[in-house]
N, C-alpha and C. Protein backbone atom coordinates (compact mmCIF):
# COMPACT_ATOMS: atom_id res chain seq x y z
N MET A 1 0.83 -0.84 -0.01
CA MET A 1 -0.06 -0.41 0.36
C MET A 1 0.52 1.00 -0.40
N GLN A 2 1.78 0.80 0.34
CA GLN A 2 3.12 1.83 1.13
C GLN A 2 3.14 3.35 -0.35
N PHE A 3 3.93 1.86 -1.59
CA PHE A 3 4.50 1.30 -2.44
C PHE A 3 3.40 2.39 -3.58
N LEU A 4 1.99 1.88 -3.23
CA LEU A 4 0.91 2.81 -4.08
C LEU A 4 0.73 4.40 -4.02
N ILE A 5 0.64 4.31 -2.31
CA ILE A 5 0.55 6.01 -2.27
C ILE A 5 1.22 6.65 -3.34
N GLU A 6 2.90 6.31 -2.44
CA GLU A 6 4.01 7.08 -3.14
C GLU A 6 4.07 7.06 -4.26
N ALA A 7 3.51 6.22 -5.03
CA ALA A 7 3.61 5.74 -6.72
C ALA A 7 2.14 7.08 -7.23
N ILE A 8 1.61 6.89 -6.57
CA ILE A 8 0.51 7.65 -6.69
C ILE A 8 0.57 9.36 -6.74
N ILE A 9 1.26 9.30 -5.71
CA ILE A 9 1.20 11.26 -5.30
C ILE A 9 2.57 11.69 -5.98
N LEU A 10 4.02 10.58 -6.67
CA LEU A 10 4.74 11.33 -7.42
C LEU A 10 4.01 11.37 -8.96
N CYS A 11 3.59 11.20 -9.47
CA CYS A 11 2.68 11.06 -10.53
C CYS A 11 2.19 11.84 -10.73
N GLU A 12 0.97 11.97 -9.48
CA GLU A 12 0.16 13.22 -9.74
C GLU A 12 0.74 14.37 -9.78
N PHE A 13 1.72 15.21 -8.93
CA PHE A 13 2.79 16.52 -8.09
C PHE A 13 3.39 16.48 -9.90
N GLY A 14 4.35 15.05 -10.08
CA GLY A 14 4.66 16.06 -11.60
C GLY A 14 3.52 16.49 -12.58
N GLY A 15 1.95 15.45 -13.01
CA GLY A 15 1.49 15.23 -14.01
C GLY A 15 0.67 17.01 -12.85
N ILE A 16 0.46 17.73 -12.55
CA ILE A 16 0.17 18.47 -11.83
C ILE A 16 1.50 20.10 -12.46
N ILE A 17 2.82 19.57 -12.28
CA ILE A 17 3.62 20.46 -12.87
C ILE A 17 3.60 20.36 -14.04
N GLY A 18 3.34 19.59 -15.33
CA GLY A 18 3.30 19.56 -15.72
C GLY A 18 2.10 20.22 -16.87
N ILE A 19 1.04 20.49 -16.41
CA ILE A 19 -0.30 20.90 -16.65
C ILE A 19 0.40 22.80 -16.30
N PHE A 20 0.63 23.19 -15.33
CA PHE A 20 0.77 24.19 -14.80
C PHE A 20 1.69 25.03 -15.96
N LEU A 21 3.10 24.17 -15.96
CA LEU A 21 3.42 24.58 -17.49
C LEU A 21 3.56 24.91 -18.58
N GLY A 22 2.56 23.77 -19.14
CA GLY A 22 1.35 24.38 -20.13
C GLY A 22 0.67 24.24 -20.57
N VAL A 23 0.76 25.40 -19.23
CA VAL A 23 -1.12 26.66 -19.46
C VAL A 23 -0.15 27.62 -19.40
N LEU A 24 1.70 27.95 -19.14
CA LEU A 24 1.66 28.57 -18.60
C LEU A 24 2.33 29.27 -19.50
N THR A 25 3.11 28.01 -20.80
CA THR A 25 3.75 28.69 -22.07
C THR A 25 2.55 28.48 -22.93
N GLY A 26 1.54 28.08 -23.20
CA GLY A 26 0.41 28.15 -23.97
C GLY A 26 0.51 29.86 -23.53
N ASN A 27 -0.31 30.27 -22.26
CA ASN A 27 -0.64 32.00 -22.09
C ASN A 27 0.64 32.72 -22.83
N LEU A 28 2.04 32.06 -22.88
CA LEU A 28 2.66 33.78 -22.74
C LEU A 28 2.89 33.44 -24.47
N VAL A 29 3.18 32.67 -24.81
CA VAL A 29 2.35 32.01 -27.02
C VAL A 29 1.43 33.10 -27.43
N GLY A 30 0.41 32.02 -26.71
CA GLY A 30 -0.88 33.48 -26.82
C GLY A 30 -0.86 34.74 -26.55
N LEU A 31 -0.16 35.31 -25.93
CA LEU A 31 0.24 36.40 -25.38
C LEU A 31 0.78 37.00 -26.32
N TYR A 32 2.27 36.81 -26.72
CA TYR A 32 2.68 36.52 -28.25
C TYR A 32 2.14 37.07 -29.36
N LEU A 33 1.77 36.04 -29.31
CA LEU A 33 0.82 35.89 -30.94
C LEU A 33 -0.18 36.81 -30.93
N SER A 34 -1.58 37.41 -30.05
CA SER A 34 -2.73 38.07 -29.25
C SER A 34 -3.69 37.47 -30.03
N SER A 35 -3.41 36.11 -29.68
CA SER A 35 -4.65 35.32 -29.51
C SER A 35 -5.17 34.41 -28.34
N PRO A 36 -6.72 33.87 -29.03
CA PRO A 36 -6.69 33.92 -27.43
C PRO A 36 -6.77 32.97 -26.95
N VAL A 37 -6.04 32.24 -25.59
CA VAL A 37 -5.98 31.22 -25.14
C VAL A 37 -6.91 30.81 -24.36
N VAL A 38 -6.91 29.35 -25.01
CA VAL A 38 -8.34 28.12 -24.67
C VAL A 38 -7.74 26.87 -23.60
N ILE A 39 -8.21 26.59 -22.86
CA ILE A 39 -7.08 26.07 -22.18
C ILE A 39 -7.87 24.14 -22.07
N PRO A 40 -8.37 23.70 -22.70
CA PRO A 40 -9.33 22.78 -22.52
C PRO A 40 -9.07 21.83 -21.20
N TYR A 41 -9.81 21.61 -20.41
CA TYR A 41 -10.59 21.74 -19.28
C TYR A 41 -10.42 19.65 -19.41
N ASP A 42 -11.57 19.62 -20.12
CA ASP A 42 -10.89 18.12 -20.30
C ASP A 42 -10.04 16.51 -20.61
N TRP A 43 -9.30 17.95 -21.37
CA TRP A 43 -7.49 17.45 -21.19
C TRP A 43 -6.36 17.06 -20.55
N VAL A 44 -7.14 19.01 -19.20
CA VAL A 44 -6.54 18.50 -18.31
C VAL A 44 -6.94 17.71 -17.42
N ILE A 45 -7.33 16.78 -17.01
CA ILE A 45 -8.49 15.92 -16.09
C ILE A 45 -7.87 14.73 -16.86
N ILE A 46 -7.84 14.20 -18.54
CA ILE A 46 -7.51 13.34 -18.90
C ILE A 46 -6.09 13.01 -18.49
N GLY A 47 -4.97 13.97 -18.04
CA GLY A 47 -3.78 13.75 -17.66
C GLY A 47 -4.06 13.10 -16.86
N LEU A 48 -4.43 13.88 -15.91
CA LEU A 48 -4.32 13.59 -14.52
C LEU A 48 -4.86 12.33 -14.32
N VAL A 49 -5.27 11.66 -15.07
CA VAL A 49 -5.83 10.53 -15.15
C VAL A 49 -5.37 9.25 -15.25
N VAL A 50 -4.70 9.51 -16.75
CA VAL A 50 -3.53 9.17 -17.24
C VAL A 50 -2.46 8.93 -15.87
N CYS A 51 -1.29 9.99 -15.69
CA CYS A 51 -0.91 10.43 -13.89
C CYS A 51 -1.40 9.43 -13.19
N SER A 52 -2.29 9.28 -12.55
CA SER A 52 -2.71 8.31 -11.87
C SER A 52 -2.79 6.81 -11.54
N VAL A 53 -3.06 6.75 -13.53
CA VAL A 53 -2.23 5.53 -13.61
C VAL A 53 -1.08 5.37 -13.61
N VAL A 54 -0.31 5.44 -14.80
CA VAL A 54 0.70 5.39 -14.49
C VAL A 54 1.40 4.98 -13.11
N GLY A 55 1.03 5.67 -11.87
CA GLY A 55 0.91 6.37 -10.71
C GLY A 55 0.67 4.24 -9.53
N ILE A 56 -0.36 4.29 -10.26
CA ILE A 56 -0.89 2.62 -10.26
C ILE A 56 -0.10 2.04 -10.69
N VAL A 57 -0.37 1.86 -11.38
CA VAL A 57 0.85 0.14 -12.60
C VAL A 57 1.91 0.42 -12.22
N PHE A 58 3.08 1.27 -12.07
CA PHE A 58 4.30 1.00 -11.47
C PHE A 58 4.24 1.48 -9.99
N GLY A 59 3.60 1.53 -9.06
CA GLY A 59 3.38 1.29 -8.29
C GLY A 59 3.42 -0.06 -7.57
N VAL A 60 2.12 -1.03 -7.48
CA VAL A 60 1.85 -2.81 -7.93
C VAL A 60 2.40 -3.18 -7.75
N TYR A 61 3.97 -3.22 -9.15
CA TYR A 61 4.26 -4.15 -9.92
C TYR A 61 5.44 -4.19 -8.81
N PRO A 62 5.99 -3.33 -8.54
CA PRO A 62 7.53 -3.73 -7.66
C PRO A 62 7.15 -3.89 -6.59
N ALA A 63 5.72 -3.59 -5.58
CA ALA A 63 5.19 -3.93 -4.62
C ALA A 63 4.39 -5.55 -4.27
N TYR A 64 4.42 -5.65 -5.87
CA TYR A 64 4.04 -7.14 -6.72
C TYR A 64 5.72 -8.42 -6.16
N LYS A 65 5.93 -7.84 -7.18
CA LYS A 65 7.05 -7.98 -7.13
C LYS A 65 8.07 -8.65 -5.76
N ALA A 66 8.09 -7.21 -4.61
CA ALA A 66 9.06 -7.53 -3.64
C ALA A 66 8.13 -8.59 -3.18
N ALA A 67 6.64 -8.47 -2.74
CA ALA A 67 5.23 -9.37 -2.07
C ALA A 67 6.03 -11.28 -1.97
N LYS A 68 7.31 -11.47 -3.51
CA LYS A 68 7.56 -12.50 -3.78
C LYS A 68 8.24 -13.36 -3.09
N LEU A 69 9.69 -12.01 -2.95
CA LEU A 69 11.11 -12.90 -2.78
C LEU A 69 10.70 -12.92 -1.46
N ASN A 70 11.40 -14.58 -0.55
CA ASN A 70 12.19 -15.07 0.35
C ASN A 70 12.73 -13.47 0.71
N PRO A 71 12.15 -13.66 1.97
CA PRO A 71 12.67 -11.95 2.78
C PRO A 71 15.25 -12.65 2.76
N ILE A 72 15.13 -13.44 3.39
CA ILE A 72 16.34 -13.91 3.79
C ILE A 72 17.19 -14.23 2.41
N ASP A 73 16.25 -14.11 1.12
CA ASP A 73 17.27 -14.34 -0.25
C ASP A 73 17.26 -12.37 -0.20
N ALA A 74 16.16 -11.93 0.07
CA ALA A 74 15.76 -10.78 -1.07
C ALA A 74 17.32 -9.91 0.40
N LEU A 75 18.06 -9.98 1.32
CA LEU A 75 18.41 -9.26 1.76
C LEU A 75 19.53 -9.66 2.38
N ARG A 76 20.16 -10.92 1.83
CA ARG A 76 21.55 -11.43 0.91
C ARG A 76 22.31 -10.77 0.39
N TYR A 77 21.52 -10.82 -0.96
CA TYR A 77 22.12 -9.74 -1.85
C TYR A 77 21.89 -8.04 -1.58
N GLU A 78 21.59 -7.69 -0.25
CA GLU A 78 22.27 -6.51 -0.24
C GLU A 78 22.84 -5.83 -0.25
């Protein structure tokens, strides 16, 4: 559960930073070109959902793999 929560939080944090930078860049380009800026909120939500899915997949897989290991064998190679 810890791997899952950590992976989701990190992916969402990265997604929020990416959305912020995308909106900032779009606003700067719109200002430079003197055109109206449109933020597609549906794509913002889709981006956050994709970030959540990536966090779930890459949080569950290592936890599942680690859970299947024998603790003695796992600590021997550390």
